[in-house]
Amino acid sequence: MIDLSSIGPPVLKEIEPTTGPEEGGIKVSLIGKLFDHRLGGCYAKFGKAIVPHKGEITPNKVSFILPPVSETGGVGDTIIEVDFV
């Protein structure tokens, strides 16, 4: 079992890239610290679309595939919420 009390909240420093096409399909990486890869999964909410992480979660980086704007409810590339599970 993981002691979550010792982890602390994740810190977001940068999003790469900062813009994307309306049709989606590109990799978006969140760069920061304290991303706890031991939890096994991460989801991002882009508008109304919830997408799982793509690839490895490291303590400093997690990536997603940007969904098309048609699935986000018109929000585009704005990340509303990221949850580690």
Protein backbone atom coordinates (compact mmCIF):
# COMPACT_ATOMS: atom_id res chain seq x y z
CA MET A 1 0.00 0.00 0.00
CA ILE A 2 1.19 3.54 -0.82
CA ASP A 3 1.32 6.17 1.92
CA LEU A 4 -0.36 9.06 0.09
CA SER A 5 0.22 11.47 2.96
CA SER A 6 3.93 11.66 2.09
CA ILE A 7 3.45 12.48 -1.60
CA GLY A 8 2.14 16.05 -1.53
CA PRO A 9 0.13 17.68 -4.31
CA PRO A 10 1.42 17.58 -7.89
CA VAL A 11 2.87 20.84 -9.22
CA LEU A 12 2.26 21.80 -12.86
CA LYS A 13 5.01 23.93 -14.42
CA GLU A 14 4.40 23.67 -18.14
CA ILE A 15 2.10 22.25 -20.84
CA GLU A 16 3.69 21.18 -24.14
CA PRO A 17 2.45 22.19 -26.66
CA THR A 18 0.33 25.10 -25.51
CA THR A 19 -2.01 24.93 -28.53
CA GLY A 20 -3.35 22.14 -30.70
CA PRO A 21 -5.51 21.47 -33.75
CA GLU A 22 -9.29 21.30 -33.43
CA GLU A 23 -9.21 17.72 -34.75
CA GLY A 24 -6.99 16.68 -31.80
CA GLY A 25 -4.76 13.63 -32.11
CA ILE A 26 -1.54 15.21 -30.83
CA LYS A 27 0.37 14.32 -27.67
CA VAL A 28 0.04 16.85 -24.86
CA SER A 29 2.56 16.58 -22.02
CA LEU A 30 2.22 18.03 -18.55
CA ILE A 31 5.61 18.92 -17.07
CA GLY A 32 6.02 19.49 -13.35
CA LYS A 33 6.89 17.60 -10.22
CA LEU A 34 5.39 15.18 -7.74
CA PHE A 35 3.41 13.26 -10.38
CA ASP A 36 3.16 9.96 -8.54
CA HIS A 37 3.61 7.16 -11.04
CA ARG A 38 3.15 4.57 -8.25
CA LEU A 39 -0.60 5.16 -8.34
CA GLY A 40 -0.77 3.44 -11.72
CA GLY A 41 -2.98 5.75 -13.73
CA CYS A 42 -3.94 9.29 -14.57
CA TYR A 43 -6.87 10.85 -16.40
CA ALA A 44 -7.27 14.34 -17.83
CA LYS A 45 -10.55 16.08 -18.46
CA PHE A 46 -10.45 18.24 -21.59
CA GLY A 47 -13.81 20.00 -21.44
CA LYS A 48 -16.32 17.12 -21.37
CA ALA A 49 -13.89 14.45 -22.65
CA ILE A 50 -12.08 12.26 -20.11
CA VAL A 51 -8.93 10.63 -21.51
CA PRO A 52 -6.40 8.26 -19.90
CA HIS A 53 -2.69 9.01 -19.85
CA LYS A 54 -0.67 7.81 -22.82
CA GLY A 55 2.65 6.16 -22.05
CA GLU A 56 4.69 6.19 -18.87
CA ILE A 57 3.96 8.47 -15.92
CA THR A 58 7.19 9.79 -14.43
CA PRO A 59 7.56 12.01 -11.35
CA ASN A 60 8.01 14.98 -13.75
CA LYS A 61 5.90 14.21 -16.83
CA VAL A 62 2.60 12.69 -17.90
CA SER A 63 1.17 12.75 -21.44
CA PHE A 64 -2.25 12.51 -23.07
CA ILE A 65 -3.64 12.44 -26.61
CA LEU A 66 -5.68 15.58 -27.22
CA PRO A 67 -9.28 14.68 -28.15
CA PRO A 68 -11.08 16.47 -30.99
CA VAL A 69 -12.97 19.64 -30.05
CA SER A 70 -16.19 17.86 -31.08
CA GLU A 71 -15.72 15.55 -28.04
CA THR A 72 -14.80 18.28 -25.56
CA GLY A 73 -17.94 20.38 -25.94
CA GLY A 74 -16.08 23.23 -27.65
CA VAL A 75 -13.47 23.77 -24.96
CA GLY A 76 -10.55 23.02 -27.28
CA ASP A 77 -7.25 22.32 -25.60
CA THR A 78 -8.11 23.63 -22.13
CA ILE A 79 -7.37 21.13 -19.38
CA ILE A 80 -10.02 21.37 -16.71
CA GLU A 81 -8.89 18.63 -14.35
CA VAL A 82 -6.18 15.96 -13.95
CA ASP A 83 -6.65 13.04 -11.55
CA PHE A 84 -4.10 10.40 -10.53
CA VAL A 85 -5.79 7.11 -9.66
